[in-house]
Amino acid sequence: MILIDTVEGLVKSTEAARAGGRRVGLVPTMGSLHAGHLSLVGRARRDNDTVVVTVFVNPLQFGPDEDLAAYPRDPQGDVARAGEAGADLVFLPGDDEMYPRPPVTSVRVAGLSEPLEGRSRPGHLEGVATVVAKLFAMAGACRAYFGEKDYQQLCVVRRLAADLSFPVEVVGCPTVRDGDGLALSSRNARLSPAERAAAPVVHRALVAGRREVLAGQRDPAVVAQVMARVVSAEPSAHLDYAVAADPDDLRTPSRLAGEVRLLAAAWIGDVRLIDNLAVLPPAAGHRPQGHSHLERQPCDGA
């Protein structure tokens, strides 16, 4: 496993891999790697000949009052875990390497960046899109792997890759969860024991919303209210949003039909957690007996 800390080194390494007939898989991360990240590395390993993991805590995607300084960092551990999971190269640049001058250019995916996370964290998704565009330009033709846990981010990345004609296939991978349903996240490490015990309420809210849709509810406002009630019943939790949205454009339809993406965000103490679930409403006139195929999948395929 090779450690790279310069843009030039990443460009040369990926170009050499392709020149040798090897397919490149790219796993962009902000480090503090956990089992969710490592599942992406494993998928990239299965699909490709050369696997590149990037570790960079991107300052552009943090607002002035957000937790950039508190964001967990473990570069040595990340390099070791990435290598054990199957990475061939780890790109670990400093801020000055990624942004030699204060950037005056940014990437914004209009429409997909404004709702949900865009309302709660202004500028966040522009920061994500900008750094991802830079990484795609550096890595060149590849497959890039992103977790569905950050579903809105995945939608943004897919659209920017298509709109800007990057030679990149964006691959979404299932959310990985703990046994109680909590989606794995680097921010989970900041939860106190009591907060960690409360945190699965976000997933429980989504499951309650999914159950409502499968029972035949077609009003997205009602589904959102069901999810909100679950979160409000947990004293340690403060709801940011809970919505039933179109999985492609993230807009709330007037009536649920076809696949639906349930998305929620909540504060547990001073830690903000996000999660989502897919659900396919039953056909008109049909009420499922027991669980649907989507609901049977344990922990979203984790």
Protein backbone atom coordinates (compact mmCIF):
# COMPACT_ATOMS: atom_id res chain seq x y z
CA MET A 1 0.00 0.00 0.00
CA ILE A 2 1.37 3.39 -1.08
CA LEU A 3 0.82 6.68 0.78
CA ILE A 4 0.55 9.80 -1.41
CA ASP A 5 0.34 13.36 -0.13
CA THR A 6 0.58 15.43 -3.32
CA VAL A 7 -1.83 16.07 -6.16
CA GLU A 8 0.93 15.32 -8.65
CA GLY A 9 1.51 11.95 -7.01
CA LEU A 10 -2.18 11.04 -7.21
CA VAL A 11 -2.44 12.08 -10.86
CA LYS A 12 0.68 10.12 -11.85
CA SER A 13 -0.35 7.03 -9.90
CA THR A 14 -3.83 6.79 -11.39
CA GLU A 15 -2.55 7.53 -14.89
CA ALA A 16 0.04 4.77 -14.52
CA ALA A 17 -2.62 2.33 -13.33
CA ARG A 18 -4.82 2.99 -16.36
CA ALA A 19 -1.81 2.85 -18.71
CA GLY A 20 -1.18 -0.62 -17.35
CA GLY A 21 -4.74 -1.67 -18.15
CA ARG A 22 -5.98 -1.48 -14.55
CA ARG A 23 -9.39 -0.14 -13.62
CA VAL A 24 -9.30 2.48 -10.84
CA GLY A 25 -11.74 2.59 -7.94
CA LEU A 26 -11.92 5.80 -5.87
CA VAL A 27 -13.25 6.06 -2.30
CA PRO A 28 -13.38 9.71 -1.14
CA THR A 29 -13.57 10.10 2.66
CA MET A 30 -12.96 12.64 5.40
CA GLY A 31 -11.13 10.03 7.43
CA SER A 32 -11.86 8.60 10.88
CA LEU A 33 -12.63 5.46 8.93
CA HIS A 34 -15.25 3.07 10.30
CA ALA A 35 -16.93 -0.09 9.01
CA GLY A 36 -19.14 1.95 6.68
CA HIS A 37 -16.13 3.45 4.91
CA LEU A 38 -14.40 0.08 4.84
CA SER A 39 -17.43 -1.49 3.16
CA LEU A 40 -16.92 1.02 0.33
CA VAL A 41 -13.25 0.05 0.10
CA GLY A 42 -14.25 -3.61 -0.03
CA ARG A 43 -16.74 -2.96 -2.83
CA ALA A 44 -14.13 -0.98 -4.76
CA ARG A 45 -11.68 -3.83 -4.25
CA ARG A 46 -14.12 -6.34 -5.73
CA ASP A 47 -14.92 -4.12 -8.73
CA ASN A 48 -11.50 -2.75 -9.67
CA ASP A 49 -7.81 -3.49 -10.05
CA THR A 50 -6.43 -0.42 -8.23
CA VAL A 51 -8.20 1.11 -5.23
CA VAL A 52 -7.53 4.67 -4.10
CA VAL A 53 -8.83 5.95 -0.75
CA THR A 54 -8.68 9.71 -0.18
CA VAL A 55 -8.56 11.10 3.37
CA PHE A 56 -9.17 14.84 3.59
CA VAL A 57 -11.23 16.84 6.06
CA ASN A 58 -12.55 19.43 3.64
CA PRO A 59 -12.90 22.87 5.29
CA LEU A 60 -15.18 24.15 2.51
CA GLN A 61 -18.06 21.98 3.68
CA PHE A 62 -18.09 23.30 7.26
CA GLY A 63 -19.92 26.47 8.22
CA PRO A 64 -18.41 29.03 10.61
CA ASP A 65 -20.33 27.61 13.59
CA GLU A 66 -19.84 23.93 12.72
CA ASP A 67 -17.55 21.28 14.11
CA LEU A 68 -14.48 21.47 11.84
CA ALA A 69 -12.05 21.68 14.74
CA ALA A 70 -13.88 18.93 16.63
CA TYR A 71 -14.18 16.60 13.64
CA PRO A 72 -12.41 13.35 14.60
CA ARG A 73 -9.05 12.74 12.93
CA ASP A 74 -6.86 9.64 12.98
CA PRO A 75 -4.61 9.75 9.89
CA GLN A 76 -2.25 6.96 10.93
CA GLY A 77 -5.14 4.70 11.87
CA ASP A 78 -6.94 5.57 8.64
CA VAL A 79 -3.94 4.57 6.53
CA ALA A 80 -3.65 1.26 8.36
CA ARG A 81 -7.38 0.47 8.14
CA ALA A 82 -7.58 1.43 4.46
CA GLY A 83 -4.66 -0.84 3.64
CA GLU A 84 -6.17 -3.74 5.58
CA ALA A 85 -9.46 -3.27 3.73
CA GLY A 86 -7.77 -3.52 0.34
CA ALA A 87 -6.62 -0.04 -0.67
CA ASP A 88 -3.57 0.14 -2.93
CA LEU A 89 -3.11 3.90 -2.55
CA VAL A 90 -4.09 6.36 0.18
CA PHE A 91 -4.16 10.04 -0.77
CA LEU A 92 -3.61 12.07 2.42
CA PRO A 93 -3.08 15.72 1.39
CA GLY A 94 -2.81 18.76 3.63
CA ASP A 95 -5.04 21.80 3.28
CA ASP A 96 -2.28 23.69 1.44
CA GLU A 97 -1.95 20.89 -1.09
CA MET A 98 -5.66 20.82 -1.88
CA TYR A 99 -6.08 24.61 -1.75
CA PRO A 100 -2.72 26.30 -2.48
CA ARG A 101 -4.60 29.59 -2.69
CA PRO A 102 -7.96 30.49 -1.13
CA PRO A 103 -10.42 29.11 -3.69
CA VAL A 104 -12.61 31.57 -5.57
CA THR A 105 -14.26 28.88 -7.70
CA SER A 106 -16.99 26.63 -6.37
CA VAL A 107 -19.36 24.00 -7.75
CA ARG A 108 -23.06 24.24 -7.02
CA VAL A 109 -25.64 21.69 -8.17
CA ALA A 110 -28.76 23.82 -8.33
CA GLY A 111 -32.02 22.29 -7.17
CA LEU A 112 -30.46 19.37 -5.35
CA SER A 113 -28.33 21.52 -3.04
CA GLU A 114 -31.03 23.83 -1.63
CA PRO A 115 -33.47 21.61 0.34
CA LEU A 116 -32.85 19.57 3.49
CA GLU A 117 -29.11 19.78 4.23
CA GLY A 118 -28.92 22.91 2.09
CA ARG A 119 -31.38 24.72 4.36
CA SER A 120 -29.79 23.49 7.56
CA ARG A 121 -26.16 23.82 6.49
CA PRO A 122 -25.85 26.63 3.92
CA GLY A 123 -22.83 26.13 1.70
CA HIS A 124 -22.19 22.58 2.87
CA LEU A 125 -23.14 20.81 -0.35
CA GLU A 126 -21.32 23.39 -2.46
CA GLY A 127 -18.21 22.54 -0.44
CA VAL A 128 -18.80 18.84 -1.01
CA ALA A 129 -19.37 19.32 -4.74
CA THR A 130 -16.25 21.47 -5.09
CA VAL A 131 -13.87 19.05 -3.39
CA VAL A 132 -15.40 16.05 -5.16
CA ALA A 133 -14.98 17.79 -8.52
CA LYS A 134 -11.31 18.39 -7.67
CA LEU A 135 -10.83 14.74 -6.68
CA PHE A 136 -12.52 13.54 -9.87
CA ALA A 137 -10.25 15.80 -11.93
CA MET A 138 -7.17 14.44 -10.14
CA ALA A 139 -8.15 10.75 -10.26
CA GLY A 140 -9.35 10.72 -13.87
CA ALA A 141 -11.45 7.89 -15.31
CA CYS A 142 -12.62 5.68 -12.45
CA ARG A 143 -15.49 4.30 -10.45
CA ALA A 144 -16.21 6.38 -7.33
CA TYR A 145 -17.94 4.93 -4.28
CA PHE A 146 -20.25 6.82 -1.90
CA GLY A 147 -22.50 5.57 0.89
CA GLU A 148 -26.27 5.97 0.73
CA LYS A 149 -26.25 7.22 4.33
CA ASP A 150 -25.46 10.68 2.91
CA TYR A 151 -28.20 10.32 0.31
CA GLN A 152 -28.51 13.96 -0.71
CA GLN A 153 -24.74 14.12 -1.15
CA LEU A 154 -24.91 11.03 -3.37
CA CYS A 155 -27.58 12.71 -5.53
CA VAL A 156 -25.45 15.85 -5.83
CA VAL A 157 -22.33 13.90 -6.78
CA ARG A 158 -24.14 11.86 -9.41
CA ARG A 159 -25.54 14.98 -11.03
CA LEU A 160 -22.26 16.93 -11.02
CA ALA A 161 -20.43 13.97 -12.58
CA ALA A 162 -23.02 13.82 -15.36
CA ASP A 163 -23.34 17.58 -15.91
CA LEU A 164 -19.57 18.20 -15.97
CA SER A 165 -18.82 15.10 -18.12
CA PHE A 166 -16.36 13.57 -15.70
CA PRO A 167 -15.29 10.09 -16.87
CA VAL A 168 -16.49 8.75 -13.53
CA GLU A 169 -19.10 6.11 -12.71
CA VAL A 170 -20.63 7.03 -9.35
CA VAL A 171 -21.60 3.95 -7.34
CA GLY A 172 -23.95 4.22 -4.36
CA CYS A 173 -23.50 1.62 -1.63
CA PRO A 174 -25.90 0.54 1.16
CA THR A 175 -25.84 2.17 4.57
CA VAL A 176 -23.98 0.21 7.22
CA ARG A 177 -25.59 0.17 10.67
CA ASP A 178 -24.96 -0.94 14.21
CA GLY A 179 -27.20 -3.68 15.54
CA ASP A 180 -29.69 -1.16 16.97
CA GLY A 181 -30.13 0.54 13.59
CA LEU A 182 -27.87 3.57 14.08
CA ALA A 183 -26.19 4.46 10.78
CA LEU A 184 -22.42 4.44 11.15
CA SER A 185 -20.89 7.91 11.07
CA SER A 186 -17.61 9.43 12.19
CA ARG A 187 -19.64 11.84 14.31
CA ASN A 188 -21.02 8.95 16.38
CA ALA A 189 -17.72 8.95 18.27
CA ARG A 190 -18.73 12.29 19.79
CA LEU A 191 -21.90 10.88 21.40
CA SER A 192 -21.86 10.37 25.15
CA PRO A 193 -23.08 6.94 26.38
CA ALA A 194 -26.52 8.38 27.12
CA GLU A 195 -26.66 10.12 23.73
CA ARG A 196 -25.54 6.95 21.98
CA ALA A 197 -28.43 5.10 23.62
CA ALA A 198 -30.85 7.74 22.30
CA ALA A 199 -29.37 8.04 18.80
CA PRO A 200 -31.22 5.10 17.15
CA VAL A 201 -34.43 7.16 17.44
CA VAL A 202 -33.61 8.63 14.00
CA HIS A 203 -33.70 5.18 12.43
CA ARG A 204 -36.82 4.23 14.39
CA ALA A 205 -38.56 7.32 13.01
CA LEU A 206 -37.70 6.30 9.46
CA VAL A 207 -38.92 2.75 10.08
CA ALA A 208 -42.19 4.16 11.43
CA GLY A 209 -42.54 6.31 8.31
CA ARG A 210 -41.84 3.34 6.08
CA ARG A 211 -44.44 1.30 7.92
CA GLU A 212 -46.99 4.07 7.33
CA VAL A 213 -46.26 4.12 3.59
CA LEU A 214 -46.47 0.34 3.33
CA ALA A 215 -49.82 0.48 5.12
CA GLY A 216 -51.12 2.64 2.28
CA GLN A 217 -50.55 6.23 3.40
CA ARG A 218 -50.02 8.45 0.36
CA ASP A 219 -49.92 11.89 1.98
CA PRO A 220 -46.25 12.84 2.51
CA ALA A 221 -47.21 15.33 5.23
CA VAL A 222 -48.82 12.58 7.30
CA VAL A 223 -45.76 10.36 6.89
CA ALA A 224 -43.53 13.24 7.96
CA GLN A 225 -45.70 13.84 11.04
CA VAL A 226 -45.41 10.18 12.04
CA MET A 227 -41.62 10.37 11.85
CA ALA A 228 -41.53 13.67 13.75
CA ARG A 229 -43.62 12.22 16.59
CA VAL A 230 -41.17 9.36 17.06
CA VAL A 231 -38.24 11.76 17.36
CA SER A 232 -40.11 14.15 19.66
CA ALA A 233 -40.80 11.27 22.06
CA GLU A 234 -37.05 11.02 22.76
CA PRO A 235 -36.08 13.74 25.28
CA SER A 236 -32.46 13.87 24.08
CA ALA A 237 -33.40 14.42 20.44
CA HIS A 238 -34.28 17.61 18.59
CA LEU A 239 -35.69 17.16 15.09
CA ASP A 240 -34.22 19.18 12.23
CA TYR A 241 -36.32 17.67 9.42
CA ALA A 242 -38.22 14.54 8.45
CA VAL A 243 -39.58 14.25 4.91
CA ALA A 244 -40.90 11.83 2.34
CA ALA A 245 -39.32 12.83 -0.97
CA ASP A 246 -38.86 11.86 -4.58
CA PRO A 247 -35.60 9.84 -4.71
CA ASP A 248 -34.32 11.65 -7.80
CA ASP A 249 -34.96 15.36 -7.19
CA LEU A 250 -35.64 15.28 -3.40
CA ARG A 251 -38.83 17.29 -3.82
CA THR A 252 -41.86 16.46 -1.72
CA PRO A 253 -44.62 15.26 -4.07
CA SER A 254 -48.28 16.06 -3.53
CA ARG A 255 -48.96 12.33 -3.33
CA LEU A 256 -46.60 9.39 -2.82
CA ALA A 257 -46.35 7.10 -5.83
CA GLY A 258 -43.48 4.92 -6.93
CA GLU A 259 -40.29 4.71 -4.90
CA VAL A 260 -40.04 7.13 -1.98
CA ARG A 261 -36.95 8.21 -0.04
CA LEU A 262 -37.56 9.01 3.62
CA LEU A 263 -34.93 11.37 5.03
CA ALA A 264 -34.42 12.68 8.56
CA ALA A 265 -31.93 14.74 10.53
CA ALA A 266 -31.88 15.32 14.27
CA TRP A 267 -29.63 16.72 16.97
CA ILE A 268 -28.68 14.32 19.73
CA GLY A 269 -27.08 16.65 22.24
CA ASP A 270 -24.70 18.74 20.16
CA VAL A 271 -24.19 16.03 17.52
CA ARG A 272 -26.26 16.22 14.36
CA LEU A 273 -27.16 12.88 12.76
CA ILE A 274 -28.75 12.16 9.38
CA ASP A 275 -30.28 9.00 7.95
CA ASN A 276 -32.64 7.79 5.25
CA LEU A 277 -34.58 4.77 4.01
CA ALA A 278 -36.07 3.74 0.68
CA VAL A 279 -39.63 2.46 0.48
CA LEU A 280 -41.81 1.34 -2.42
CA PRO A 281 -45.53 1.91 -1.80
CA PRO A 282 -47.74 -1.10 -2.59
CA ALA A 283 -49.82 -0.99 -5.74
CA ALA A 284 -53.26 0.62 -5.50
CA GLY A 285 -55.74 -1.67 -3.79
CA HIS A 286 -53.02 -3.90 -2.36
CA ARG A 287 -52.12 -4.09 1.29
CA PRO A 288 -48.97 -6.09 2.06
CA GLN A 289 -49.28 -9.13 4.27
CA GLY A 290 -46.32 -8.89 6.63
CA HIS A 291 -43.23 -7.04 5.42
CA SER A 292 -42.28 -5.94 1.94
CA HIS A 293 -39.01 -6.97 0.30
CA LEU A 294 -37.51 -3.58 1.16
CA GLU A 295 -38.52 -3.89 4.78
CA ARG A 296 -37.13 -7.43 5.08
CA GLN A 297 -33.63 -6.29 4.21
CA PRO A 298 -31.83 -6.08 7.57
CA CYS A 299 -30.26 -2.72 8.27
CA ASP A 300 -30.39 -1.58 4.61
CA GLY A 301 -28.07 -4.35 3.49
CA ALA A 302 -25.44 -3.64 6.14
